[in-house]
């Protein structure tokens, strides 16, 4: 038996059981699905064709989509598929293809059931969290005026912690070599060498940047040359400041003037051309910082556009990874996504939002305290005042509550690879969350079937646990996860 692939005319030729060669378009989807499930060589060639992009994406989506739907709804088909996995008649490459698609479909449910987090204990509220650029370290800022550095290289072992005192705000430099901290009493900005902190802290010699206000929020430009800050200074808490630190012997700043209330959040766009600020005056502002005169900072007039659609204080802002969208979280119980891909800087204001991501009924009428985009731009993480963080899927607006804190969640962050999340809370802890659920294909099929029975035939769901094909799969889960599965699907 031999299957040949012809790229020129996208023909899938099969000699199975004496079949005459057929163009791909003449094979019904059902024929392809049947061959994929029963013939190992056909499945191997199919996956090879997929990897080499010989098969049109639309056809692939249709075919694999039907397989996923069958695994999620047809009990007998699912049993047969599990049997082929156990008999090892389905190629691993084809299993991996199905596993990826089924995992993505079930992801919110999987994360809800198999949620795992580790508590990082503090002595007071944790109001700022961040990951290092390489994802190996976490930084937390506590209301006791300390910043703490956590080594995440092995989260299954006790995590050593390094404390830095007299801190009001902190951030990693983009190259990951330093931590910037702003003093809580003397307003001094300091750079700390991370390698020295980790390996020879007794030799640590901080680099002082001078007086830089009582900073409450801080962000670095992508190239590390600039720092954007918000302050709690009584006289200029409505002003953000853009600091040029490219020459540490001559640090200057340009004020960003436009807000009428306290600025609570600042950030740079991924390309460094724009700044975004969020204020308790109920607006966010987008600033154009592409053409600045650093020789005469006082002469700069920074163009900005207010983002006006919130009706209460804005606590947090973020850019999407591609820089096309701005994200704002407010005490009006909403998170809003703004399309900023085609900004006209002569506009008096931007009040057209792409859509409201979460409405009051979704968030149970809770304040939004913090927002963050995932590195791939598909998810956002939201901090709330109802003891949970929320992971929201932007593709379908499904969301999963991250449950574990006992008080307000003040700050949220994604790791650079998107597999971890970090949250800081008023309950005196930060929590490190695993966002990657590691299950095999058989376990995913079991969850897909359980979800189907729950939504369509709940009275019949017990036959899933009594079935000789599926009961061993259920028993393979840990006792805790078995309890979570029963709680999710059987009650």
Protein backbone atom coordinates (compact mmCIF):
# COMPACT_ATOMS: atom_id res chain seq x y z
CA UNK A 1 0.00 0.00 0.00
CA UNK A 2 1.35 3.39 -0.90
CA UNK A 3 -0.02 6.91 -0.63
CA UNK A 4 1.47 9.65 -2.79
CA UNK A 5 1.12 13.40 -2.43
CA UNK A 6 1.20 15.68 -5.44
CA UNK A 7 1.74 19.33 -4.53
CA UNK A 8 1.12 20.73 -8.03
CA UNK A 9 -2.59 19.95 -8.16
CA UNK A 10 -3.19 19.13 -4.49
CA UNK A 11 -4.15 15.55 -5.23
CA UNK A 12 -4.21 12.95 -2.48
CA UNK A 13 -3.71 9.58 -4.18
CA UNK A 14 -4.71 6.35 -2.44
CA UNK A 15 -4.30 2.74 -3.48
CA UNK A 16 -5.90 1.40 -0.32
CA UNK A 17 -7.89 -1.76 -1.01
CA UNK A 18 -7.46 -1.27 -4.73
CA UNK A 19 -8.99 2.21 -4.75
CA UNK A 20 -8.27 4.26 -7.82
CA UNK A 21 -6.31 7.47 -7.21
CA UNK A 22 -8.68 10.25 -6.20
CA UNK A 23 -8.23 14.00 -6.04
CA UNK A 24 -8.38 15.32 -2.50
CA UNK A 25 -11.54 17.23 -3.36
CA UNK A 26 -13.34 14.02 -4.38
CA UNK A 27 -12.71 12.22 -1.07
CA UNK A 28 -15.52 12.96 1.32
CA UNK A 29 -14.59 14.27 4.75
CA UNK A 30 -16.11 11.10 6.22
CA UNK A 31 -13.86 8.92 4.05
CA UNK A 32 -10.79 10.85 5.18
CA UNK A 33 -11.82 10.67 8.85
CA UNK A 34 -12.40 6.93 8.58
CA UNK A 35 -9.02 6.39 6.94
CA UNK A 36 -7.27 8.53 9.54
CA UNK A 37 -8.83 6.49 12.34
CA UNK A 38 -8.24 3.03 10.86
CA UNK A 39 -5.17 3.16 8.68
CA UNK A 40 -1.83 4.03 10.26
CA UNK A 41 0.06 4.60 7.00
CA UNK A 42 -2.65 6.89 5.67
CA UNK A 43 -2.59 8.88 8.92
CA UNK A 44 1.20 9.20 8.77
CA UNK A 45 1.09 10.47 5.20
CA UNK A 46 -1.72 12.85 6.08
CA UNK A 47 0.31 14.40 8.92
CA UNK A 48 3.33 14.65 6.62
CA UNK A 49 1.19 16.49 4.11
CA UNK A 50 -0.04 18.82 6.84
CA UNK A 51 3.50 19.59 8.02
CA UNK A 52 4.64 20.29 4.47
CA UNK A 53 1.56 22.42 3.85
CA UNK A 54 0.44 20.25 0.94
CA UNK A 55 -3.12 20.25 2.27
CA UNK A 56 -5.07 23.53 2.17
CA UNK A 57 -5.66 25.01 5.61
CA UNK A 58 -9.41 25.31 5.04
CA UNK A 59 -9.66 21.59 4.23
CA UNK A 60 -7.52 20.69 7.22
CA UNK A 61 -9.68 22.79 9.54
CA UNK A 62 -12.81 21.14 8.19
CA UNK A 63 -11.47 17.60 8.53
CA UNK A 64 -9.83 17.93 11.95
CA UNK A 65 -12.74 20.05 13.13
CA UNK A 66 -15.11 17.18 12.38
CA UNK A 67 -12.88 14.74 14.26
CA UNK A 68 -12.83 17.07 17.27
CA UNK A 69 -16.61 17.43 17.16
CA UNK A 70 -17.04 13.65 17.02
CA UNK A 71 -14.67 13.15 19.96
CA UNK A 72 -16.65 15.78 21.86
CA UNK A 73 -20.14 14.47 21.11
CA UNK A 74 -20.23 10.91 19.74
CA UNK A 75 -19.80 8.46 22.64
CA UNK A 76 -19.19 5.40 20.45
CA UNK A 77 -16.75 7.20 18.17
CA UNK A 78 -14.82 8.45 21.22
CA UNK A 79 -14.64 4.91 22.62
CA UNK A 80 -13.37 3.60 19.28
CA UNK A 81 -10.74 6.33 19.08
CA UNK A 82 -9.51 5.58 22.62
CA UNK A 83 -9.27 1.93 21.66
CA UNK A 84 -7.09 2.73 18.65
CA UNK A 85 -4.79 4.79 20.89
CA UNK A 86 -4.41 1.88 23.30
CA UNK A 87 -3.76 -0.54 20.43
CA UNK A 88 -1.19 1.91 19.05
CA UNK A 89 -2.74 1.86 15.59
CA UNK A 90 -2.95 5.66 15.41
CA UNK A 91 0.40 7.36 14.60
CA UNK A 92 1.76 9.61 17.33
CA UNK A 93 2.02 12.55 14.92
CA UNK A 94 -1.71 12.30 14.19
CA UNK A 95 -2.48 11.98 17.91
CA UNK A 96 -0.44 15.13 18.55
CA UNK A 97 -2.40 17.01 15.87
CA UNK A 98 -5.73 16.02 17.42
CA UNK A 99 -4.44 16.63 20.95
CA UNK A 100 -3.45 20.21 20.18
CA UNK A 101 -6.85 21.07 18.68
CA UNK A 102 -8.83 19.33 21.42
CA UNK A 103 -6.69 20.94 24.13
CA UNK A 104 -7.37 24.41 22.73
CA UNK A 105 -11.09 23.73 22.58
CA UNK A 106 -11.24 22.49 26.19
CA UNK A 107 -8.69 24.89 27.67
CA UNK A 108 -10.96 27.03 29.91
CA UNK A 109 -12.57 23.89 31.35
CA UNK A 110 -9.19 22.19 31.82
CA UNK A 111 -7.72 25.15 33.67
CA UNK A 112 -10.77 25.36 35.92
CA UNK A 113 -10.49 21.68 36.89
CA UNK A 114 -6.73 21.24 37.07
CA UNK A 115 -5.84 24.63 38.57
CA UNK A 116 -2.48 24.68 40.38
CA UNK A 117 -0.84 27.56 42.26
CA UNK A 118 1.92 28.17 44.79
CA UNK A 119 1.72 30.79 47.53
CA UNK A 120 4.59 33.26 47.99
CA UNK A 121 4.12 34.62 51.51
CA UNK A 122 4.72 38.25 52.53
CA UNK A 123 4.25 40.35 55.65
CA UNK A 124 1.83 42.84 54.06
CA UNK A 125 -0.26 43.46 50.93
CA UNK A 126 1.45 42.74 47.59
CA UNK A 127 0.59 45.53 45.16
CA UNK A 128 3.01 44.92 42.27
CA UNK A 129 4.30 41.76 40.55
CA UNK A 130 6.49 41.09 37.51
CA UNK A 131 8.50 38.37 35.76
CA UNK A 132 12.08 38.80 34.59
CA UNK A 133 12.49 38.90 30.78
CA UNK A 134 13.80 35.31 30.77
CA UNK A 135 11.05 34.09 33.09
CA UNK A 136 13.38 32.63 35.74
CA UNK A 137 12.73 35.27 38.41
CA UNK A 138 9.69 36.94 39.92
CA UNK A 139 9.61 40.38 41.50
CA UNK A 140 7.05 41.40 44.10
CA UNK A 141 6.58 44.76 45.81
CA UNK A 142 4.97 44.73 49.23
CA UNK A 143 3.23 47.43 51.23
CA UNK A 144 5.88 46.96 53.93
CA UNK A 145 8.14 48.91 51.54
CA UNK A 146 10.20 45.95 50.37
CA UNK A 147 10.78 44.40 46.96
CA UNK A 148 11.42 40.67 46.91
CA UNK A 149 13.17 38.64 44.24
CA UNK A 150 12.06 35.00 43.85
CA UNK A 151 14.01 32.31 41.99
CA UNK A 152 11.58 30.26 39.90
CA UNK A 153 14.09 27.89 38.32
CA UNK A 154 12.52 24.98 40.21
CA UNK A 155 9.06 25.76 41.57
CA UNK A 156 8.85 22.34 43.26
CA UNK A 157 11.59 23.28 45.72
CA UNK A 158 11.56 25.97 48.40
CA UNK A 159 12.04 29.30 46.68
CA UNK A 160 14.90 31.42 48.02
CA UNK A 161 14.00 35.06 48.37
CA UNK A 162 16.13 38.22 48.34
CA UNK A 163 14.68 41.32 49.97
CA UNK A 164 15.39 44.92 48.97
CA UNK A 165 14.23 47.45 51.54
CA UNK A 166 12.84 50.98 51.22
CA UNK A 167 10.88 50.36 48.02
CA UNK A 168 7.67 51.89 46.70
CA UNK A 169 7.80 50.63 43.08
CA UNK A 170 10.06 48.28 41.12
CA UNK A 171 10.62 46.82 37.64
CA UNK A 172 13.10 44.71 35.67
CA UNK A 173 15.21 46.38 33.01
CA UNK A 174 14.45 44.97 29.51
CA UNK A 175 17.82 43.18 29.32
CA UNK A 176 17.10 41.44 32.63
CA UNK A 177 20.38 42.53 34.23
CA UNK A 178 18.99 45.03 36.74
CA UNK A 179 16.07 45.78 38.98
CA UNK A 180 14.94 49.37 39.25
CA UNK A 181 13.48 50.47 42.58
CA UNK A 182 12.08 53.79 43.72
CA UNK A 183 12.56 54.75 47.35
CA UNK A 184 9.49 54.99 49.54
CA UNK A 185 10.84 57.77 51.76
CA UNK A 186 13.66 59.58 49.97
CA UNK A 187 12.32 59.13 46.39
CA UNK A 188 15.69 57.85 45.18
CA UNK A 189 15.77 55.74 42.02
CA UNK A 190 18.22 52.83 42.20
CA UNK A 191 19.46 50.13 39.81
CA UNK A 192 20.45 46.81 41.41
CA UNK A 193 22.64 44.26 39.62
CA UNK A 194 20.68 40.98 39.63
CA UNK A 195 23.67 38.68 39.18
CA UNK A 196 25.34 40.20 42.23
CA UNK A 197 22.13 39.87 44.24
CA UNK A 198 21.87 36.18 43.39
CA UNK A 199 25.49 35.13 43.76
CA UNK A 200 27.38 37.64 45.91
CA UNK A 201 24.95 39.93 47.69
CA UNK A 202 27.62 41.09 50.16
CA UNK A 203 29.36 42.82 47.24
CA UNK A 204 26.23 44.59 46.06
CA UNK A 205 26.76 48.24 45.14
CA UNK A 206 23.56 49.93 44.00
CA UNK A 207 23.62 52.50 41.19
CA UNK A 208 21.78 55.58 42.41
CA UNK A 209 19.89 57.60 39.81
CA UNK A 210 19.06 60.49 42.13
CA UNK A 211 15.72 61.88 43.30
CA UNK A 212 12.88 60.61 41.10
CA UNK A 213 9.68 61.37 43.03
CA UNK A 214 7.55 59.08 45.21
CA UNK A 215 6.87 56.71 42.32
CA UNK A 216 3.72 54.57 42.34
CA UNK A 217 3.99 53.00 38.87
CA UNK A 218 7.00 52.47 36.64
CA UNK A 219 7.77 51.03 33.19
CA UNK A 220 10.89 50.72 31.01
CA UNK A 221 10.95 51.46 27.29
CA UNK A 222 11.78 48.35 25.21
CA UNK A 223 15.31 49.60 24.50
CA UNK A 224 15.93 50.41 28.19
CA UNK A 225 16.82 54.05 27.54
CA UNK A 226 13.75 55.57 29.17
CA UNK A 227 11.67 55.14 32.32
CA UNK A 228 8.02 56.18 32.54
CA UNK A 229 6.71 56.95 36.02
CA UNK A 230 3.62 58.00 37.92
CA UNK A 231 3.98 59.71 41.27
CA UNK A 232 2.08 60.32 44.48
CA UNK A 233 3.77 63.70 45.00
CA UNK A 234 1.18 66.18 46.21
CA UNK A 235 2.04 68.82 43.61
CA UNK A 236 2.28 66.72 40.43
CA UNK A 237 0.36 63.48 40.91
CA UNK A 238 -1.55 64.26 37.68
CA UNK A 239 1.69 64.33 35.66
CA UNK A 240 3.55 61.32 34.28
CA UNK A 241 7.26 61.74 33.71
CA UNK A 242 9.42 60.32 30.94
CA UNK A 243 13.02 59.96 32.18
CA UNK A 244 16.03 59.67 29.88
CA UNK A 245 18.57 57.39 31.59
CA UNK A 246 20.79 56.70 28.57
CA UNK A 247 23.41 58.85 30.31
CA UNK A 248 23.38 58.03 34.03
CA UNK A 249 25.42 61.17 34.72
CA UNK A 250 22.84 63.43 33.12
CA UNK A 251 19.33 62.12 33.82
CA UNK A 252 16.55 64.40 32.61
CA UNK A 253 12.80 64.09 32.28
CA UNK A 254 9.92 65.38 30.16
CA UNK A 255 6.52 65.83 31.84
CA UNK A 256 3.42 64.31 30.23
CA UNK A 257 0.70 66.81 31.09
CA UNK A 258 -2.97 66.21 30.41
CA UNK A 259 -4.62 64.24 33.20
CA UNK A 260 -6.69 65.92 35.90
CA UNK A 261 -6.57 63.10 38.45
CA UNK A 262 -4.01 60.80 40.03
CA UNK A 263 -2.18 58.58 37.51
CA UNK A 264 -2.24 54.94 38.62
CA UNK A 265 -0.69 52.99 35.73
CA UNK A 266 1.91 53.60 33.01
CA UNK A 267 3.34 51.52 30.17
CA UNK A 268 5.18 51.68 26.82
CA UNK A 269 4.04 50.27 23.49
CA UNK A 270 6.09 47.27 22.26
CA UNK A 271 7.89 49.41 19.67
CA UNK A 272 8.57 52.20 22.18
CA UNK A 273 6.85 54.88 20.07
CA UNK A 274 3.91 55.47 22.40
CA UNK A 275 3.17 55.69 26.10
CA UNK A 276 -0.11 54.86 27.80
CA UNK A 277 -1.31 56.17 31.15
CA UNK A 278 -4.39 55.40 33.21
CA UNK A 279 -5.85 57.86 35.71
CA UNK A 280 -8.45 58.26 38.40
CA UNK A 281 -9.89 61.08 36.24
CA UNK A 282 -11.69 58.17 34.41
CA UNK A 283 -9.55 58.49 31.27
CA UNK A 284 -6.52 56.83 29.79
CA UNK A 285 -4.16 58.80 27.56
CA UNK A 286 -2.13 57.68 24.57
CA UNK A 287 1.06 59.74 24.12
CA UNK A 288 3.19 60.10 20.98
CA UNK A 289 6.81 60.11 22.17
CA UNK A 290 8.53 59.53 18.82
CA UNK A 291 10.09 62.97 18.28
CA UNK A 292 11.47 64.44 21.49
CA UNK A 293 13.99 67.20 22.05
CA UNK A 294 16.14 65.98 24.94
CA UNK A 295 18.56 68.89 24.63
CA UNK A 296 15.73 71.24 25.62
CA UNK A 297 13.21 69.07 27.56
CA UNK A 298 11.08 72.04 28.65
CA UNK A 299 10.23 72.90 25.04
CA UNK A 300 8.50 69.60 24.29
CA UNK A 301 4.75 69.50 23.81
CA UNK A 302 3.78 65.82 23.76
CA UNK A 303 0.77 64.99 21.53
CA UNK A 304 -1.81 62.88 23.34
CA UNK A 305 -5.34 61.56 22.89
CA UNK A 306 -7.62 60.77 25.82
CA UNK A 307 -9.50 57.45 25.79
CA UNK A 308 -12.95 58.33 27.10
CA UNK A 309 -15.57 55.70 27.76
CA UNK A 310 -15.07 54.71 31.39
CA UNK A 311 -17.26 56.30 34.04
CA UNK A 312 -15.13 55.46 37.09
CA UNK A 313 -11.45 55.49 38.00
CA UNK A 314 -8.98 53.61 35.78
CA UNK A 315 -6.55 51.47 37.74
CA UNK A 316 -4.57 49.69 35.04
CA UNK A 317 -3.55 49.93 31.37
CA UNK A 318 -1.69 47.68 28.93
CA UNK A 319 -0.73 47.35 25.26
CA UNK A 320 -1.34 44.24 23.18
CA UNK A 321 1.89 42.49 22.09
CA UNK A 322 1.44 43.72 18.50
CA UNK A 323 0.79 47.29 19.70
CA UNK A 324 -2.54 47.55 17.86
CA UNK A 325 -4.75 47.65 20.95
CA UNK A 326 -4.85 49.36 24.31
CA UNK A 327 -6.44 47.69 27.32
CA UNK A 328 -7.97 49.55 30.27
CA UNK A 329 -9.41 48.29 33.55
CA UNK A 330 -11.67 50.42 35.71
CA UNK A 331 -13.72 50.61 38.88
CA UNK A 332 -16.82 50.82 36.65
CA UNK A 333 -16.64 46.98 36.55
CA UNK A 334 -15.39 46.82 32.96
CA UNK A 335 -12.31 46.05 30.92
CA UNK A 336 -12.24 47.82 27.56
CA UNK A 337 -10.22 47.10 24.43
CA UNK A 338 -9.36 50.05 22.18
CA UNK A 339 -8.22 49.86 18.54
CA UNK A 340 -5.27 52.25 18.24
CA UNK A 341 -3.84 50.89 14.99
CA UNK A 342 -4.85 53.96 12.96
CA UNK A 343 -4.62 56.92 15.30
CA UNK A 344 -5.27 60.42 14.02
CA UNK A 345 -3.39 62.65 16.44
CA UNK A 346 -5.59 65.63 15.57
CA UNK A 347 -8.60 63.86 17.10
CA UNK A 348 -9.87 65.54 20.28
CA UNK A 349 -10.51 62.17 21.92
CA UNK A 350 -10.83 58.44 21.24
CA UNK A 351 -14.17 57.11 22.41
CA UNK A 352 -14.74 54.22 20.02
CA UNK A 353 -13.94 50.95 21.73
CA UNK A 354 -13.54 47.61 19.96
CA UNK A 355 -15.70 45.99 22.61
CA UNK A 356 -16.23 45.71 26.33
CA UNK A 357 -14.49 42.51 27.34
CA UNK A 358 -16.19 42.05 30.67
CA UNK A 359 -19.47 43.54 31.76
CA UNK A 360 -20.71 43.98 35.30
CA UNK A 361 -22.60 40.69 35.37
CA UNK A 362 -19.48 38.82 34.26
CA UNK A 363 -17.31 40.28 36.97
CA UNK A 364 -20.03 40.05 39.61
CA UNK A 365 -19.85 43.84 39.91
CA UNK A 366 -16.24 43.94 41.00
CA UNK A 367 -13.57 46.61 40.58
CA UNK A 368 -10.88 45.90 38.02
CA UNK A 369 -7.54 46.47 39.73
CA UNK A 370 -5.05 45.24 37.14
CA UNK A 371 -4.86 43.98 33.54
CA UNK A 372 -2.21 42.21 31.45
CA UNK A 373 -1.93 40.72 27.95
CA UNK A 374 -0.52 37.24 27.38
CA UNK A 375 2.62 37.16 25.20
CA UNK A 376 0.69 35.63 22.28
CA UNK A 377 -2.08 38.23 22.59
CA UNK A 378 -4.83 35.60 22.90
CA UNK A 379 -5.57 36.01 26.60
CA UNK A 380 -5.81 38.75 29.17
CA UNK A 381 -5.41 38.44 32.93
CA UNK A 382 -7.56 40.59 35.20
CA UNK A 383 -7.23 41.41 38.89
CA UNK A 384 -10.41 42.09 40.90
CA UNK A 385 -11.60 43.03 44.37
CA UNK A 386 -13.54 39.76 44.80
CA UNK A 387 -10.56 37.55 45.71
CA UNK A 388 -10.01 36.16 42.21
CA UNK A 389 -8.01 36.83 39.09
CA UNK A 390 -9.72 36.11 35.78
CA UNK A 391 -8.12 34.58 32.69
CA UNK A 392 -10.09 35.67 29.61
CA UNK A 393 -9.82 34.06 26.18
CA UNK A 394 -10.07 36.84 23.58
CA UNK A 395 -11.03 34.46 20.78
CA UNK A 396 -14.35 33.44 22.34
CA UNK A 397 -14.60 35.57 25.51
CA UNK A 398 -14.73 32.49 27.72
CA UNK A 399 -13.04 33.04 31.04
CA UNK A 400 -11.75 31.09 34.01
CA UNK A 401 -11.53 32.40 37.58
CA UNK A 402 -8.20 31.75 39.30
CA UNK A 403 -9.32 30.90 42.83
CA UNK A 404 -6.96 30.92 45.80
CA UNK A 405 -6.58 34.42 47.19
CA UNK A 406 -8.54 35.55 50.24
CA UNK A 407 -8.70 39.29 49.50
CA UNK A 408 -8.33 41.85 46.69
CA UNK A 409 -5.99 40.93 43.82
CA UNK A 410 -3.97 44.09 43.20
CA UNK A 411 -1.56 43.08 40.43
CA UNK A 412 -1.29 40.46 37.67
CA UNK A 413 1.39 39.39 35.18
CA UNK A 414 2.13 36.69 32.58
CA UNK A 415 5.48 34.96 32.28
CA UNK A 416 7.31 35.58 28.97
CA UNK A 417 6.33 32.14 27.64
CA UNK A 418 2.72 32.52 28.80
CA UNK A 419 2.76 29.29 30.82
CA UNK A 420 2.74 30.96 34.24
CA UNK A 421 0.81 33.79 35.84
CA UNK A 422 1.68 35.83 38.92
CA UNK A 423 -0.81 37.64 41.12
CA UNK A 424 -0.35 39.92 44.13
CA UNK A 425 -3.02 40.34 46.79
CA UNK A 426 -4.06 42.16 49.95
CA UNK A 427 -4.13 38.75 51.67
CA UNK A 428 -0.33 39.06 52.25
CA UNK A 429 0.57 36.66 49.42
CA UNK A 430 1.54 36.50 45.83
CA UNK A 431 0.50 33.37 43.95
CA UNK A 432 2.29 31.66 41.09
CA UNK A 433 -0.16 29.89 38.77
CA UNK A 434 0.52 27.18 36.21
CA UNK A 435 -1.48 27.93 33.04
CA UNK A 436 -0.26 24.80 31.25
CA UNK A 437 -2.42 21.68 31.78
CA UNK A 438 -0.46 18.52 30.96
CA UNK A 439 -2.89 15.76 29.91
CA UNK A 440 -2.71 12.92 27.41
CA UNK A 441 -5.10 12.54 24.50
CA UNK A 442 -7.19 9.85 26.23
CA UNK A 443 -7.69 12.12 29.25
CA UNK A 444 -8.69 14.99 26.98
CA UNK A 445 -11.26 12.80 25.23
CA UNK A 446 -12.70 11.82 28.63
CA UNK A 447 -13.07 15.49 29.60
CA UNK A 448 -14.63 16.31 26.21
CA UNK A 449 -17.19 13.55 26.69
CA UNK A 450 -17.95 14.61 30.26
CA UNK A 451 -18.52 18.18 29.08
CA UNK A 452 -20.83 16.98 26.32
CA UNK A 453 -22.92 14.86 28.68
CA UNK A 454 -23.17 17.72 31.17
CA UNK A 455 -24.52 20.15 28.58
CA UNK A 456 -26.79 17.81 26.58
CA UNK A 457 -27.52 14.55 28.40
CA UNK A 458 -26.72 15.09 32.06
CA UNK A 459 -29.04 12.29 33.14
CA UNK A 460 -26.82 9.87 31.20
CA UNK A 461 -23.45 11.10 32.42
CA UNK A 462 -22.96 8.27 34.90
CA UNK A 463 -22.54 5.82 32.04
CA UNK A 464 -19.23 7.57 31.34
CA UNK A 465 -17.86 6.44 34.71
CA UNK A 466 -19.28 2.94 34.40
CA UNK A 467 -17.98 2.36 30.88
CA UNK A 468 -15.04 -0.11 30.82
CA UNK A 469 -13.23 2.06 28.28
CA UNK A 470 -13.52 5.34 30.21
CA UNK A 471 -13.58 4.33 33.88
CA UNK A 472 -9.83 3.46 33.95
CA UNK A 473 -9.10 6.91 32.50
CA UNK A 474 -11.05 8.55 35.31
CA UNK A 475 -9.22 6.41 37.88
CA UNK A 476 -5.87 7.56 36.46
CA UNK A 477 -6.49 11.11 37.74
CA UNK A 478 -5.34 12.06 41.23
CA UNK A 479 -7.94 11.90 44.00
CA UNK A 480 -8.11 15.70 44.13
CA UNK A 481 -8.65 15.94 40.37
CA UNK A 482 -11.29 13.21 40.48
CA UNK A 483 -13.16 15.30 43.05
CA UNK A 484 -12.82 18.39 40.84
CA UNK A 485 -14.12 16.47 37.81
CA UNK A 486 -17.14 15.20 39.73
CA UNK A 487 -17.83 18.69 41.09
CA UNK A 488 -17.60 20.23 37.61
CA UNK A 489 -19.60 17.72 35.59
CA UNK A 490 -21.74 15.56 37.87
CA UNK A 491 -23.34 18.11 40.22
